[in-house]
Amino acid sequence: MLSLRMELLCWSFLLLNCLQSLSAHNDFFTSIGQMTDLLYTEKDLVTSLKDYIKAEENKLERVKQWADKLDSLSATATQDPEGFLGHPVNAFKLMKRLNTEWGDLESLVLSDTTDGFISNLTIQRQYFPTDEDQTGAAKALLRLQDTYRLDANTISIGDLPGVTHKILMTVEDCYELAKIAYSESDYYHTELWMAQALKQLDEGEESTLDKVTVLDYLSYAIYQQGEMERALEYTKQLLELDPEHQRAKGNLKYFQFQLEKQKKAEENEIKTEKKPQEKETTEPKKKTKKKATFQLIPERKKYEMLCRGEGNKMTPRRQSRLFCRYYDNNRSPMYVLAPVKQQDEWDSPYIVRYLDIISDKEMDLVKQLAKPRLRRATISNPITGVLETASYRISKSAWLTGYEHPMIEKINQRIEDLSGLEMDTAEELQVANYGVGGQYEPHFDFGRKDEPDAFKELGTGNRIATWLFYMSDVSAGGATVFPDIGAAVWPRKGSAVFWYNLFPSGEGDYRTRHAACPVLVGNKWVSNKWIHERGQEWRRPCGLNETE
């Protein structure tokens, strides 16, 4: 469209230059014959002008359709921004629109530099998401797909649990997701999403993409995973659509050659190993299959199982030992007349939850104070001690001090009254908001023996305990899980969970290794208080045994 417009403009300018040239050297009014030539010149100009107008109208119609679509989408999204962006597909498509599609729109109308909208858009684009943001949102979708075992079609049709803003993914969206996976040499996800794009094309969805392009990527991704026969089949489908596709023609011969070579190798292997195989058929009976227990499962698998609500279930006997109660922390003056609701979440290590412990007003204030300061959350490098970002911690955080607002000091005092621990040596209140597929993979809150200088600069000892507020409900996902013991604590707005990271002896309790599961649908806000050893000497006396 832009090139057509430029050609029309060039042609118009050429004709105008001709007119100027003619008028500069001839008195047209003195010769009707010459004037007739001008009529034809003008006719050509009018034709050129009409073509230009038609091109502009087509362009404006496209811009209008885009504006109408975005107007409707924005109206829906801004009614519940956090709920809308809680759907990971909505968040991914927002990154995609702002990073890619708005840029395409800018290119479409950029020639009119005097237009206020273009000037404003050009200025605003410097604050738009980058390629890194779009890639990050795509990777988050793939991470959610793996953790919660979702097929591509479920995500594409928006059929996720607890969604309020259901949205469909287009062929282009699926293709873009597959391309990002491809750029990371992630051929497994490349196959899944190219196959989904192909499925939607086969179902008749209109798209600027063609099946040939999709099949080209799909066959290669399958080949890279070692499935030669399937790669060959898709290559044949490609060649049916485009018999002259050079790369596919070359791949066809290569795949056929490799398959033939593979078959011969298998035949030779059968011949040479026939007798050993016959002996082996009698041996499996002697082998005893060990039943895989939860403890023997790799941590990553346990983490994902717990995130899905699977994993180790507490026995009925242990479950019967968990209670709910009204709690006043040994008749604390603050809670004698108004004890709080407390419930046991886990017995060993002891994890307890306080219900309705922070009000909506307090949570809104904490979020309001934190939002302007939110920065990508960091982790402490165990070797260098330097704070740095990590791919396994996807969130933004901010720190709030007690002197900033009386309500923050009031919240800190509440934690002290209920935990019975000194807050003067605790770290400031950390507020965290998780992004698309936001997570924090398994980690310890305390410093281990191989990290003697973890909190040296604070001068307050190790992290003795963790207090965690949940400041939002999460529609799906977002649990706090403890892979070693098989515990999962689910977000509940207005509640807080508390556990000790250290035994009374000061030794670290390695069972408290925990993780924040990816948020599947929703917007997760938490705030936490890391409480340190110093100042607790008389509040939690030291134990004599290592694991007492």
Foldseek 3Di string as FASTA:
>chain_A
DVVLLVVLVVVLVVLVVVVVVDVVVDDCVVDVVVVVVVVVSVVVNVVSVVVNVVVVVVLVVVVVVVVVVVVVVCVVCVVPVQQQQLALVSVLVQLCCLAPVVVVNLVSPVVPVVDPVSVVSVVCSVVHHYPVSNLLSLVLVVVCCVLQVNAPVCSQQQVDFPHPDTDHHALVRLCVSLVSCVVVVNLVSVLRSLVVSLVVVVVPDDDPDDNLVSLVSNLVSVVVVVPLVVSLVSLVVNCVVPVPPVVSVVSNVVSVVVVVVVVVVVVVCCVVCVVVVVVVVVPVVVDDDDDDALQNDDLVVLQSQVLNVHTDDDDPVQVVPKDKDFDQPVVQVVPVPPGWIKTWQGVVQTKIKTALQADLVLLVVVCVVKVVPWDQAWDQDLVPRDTDHDPQAAKTKDFDACVVDVSQVVSLVSCCRRVVADQPLWGTKMKIKGHSQGKHPWDAQWDAPSRPCNPVVSVQAIQFKKKKAWADAASGGFWKAQSNVSGTHHGDHSMMMMGTQAALQRHGDSSPGIMTGTRNGGITMMIMMGHGDHRCCVRRPHDDDRRD
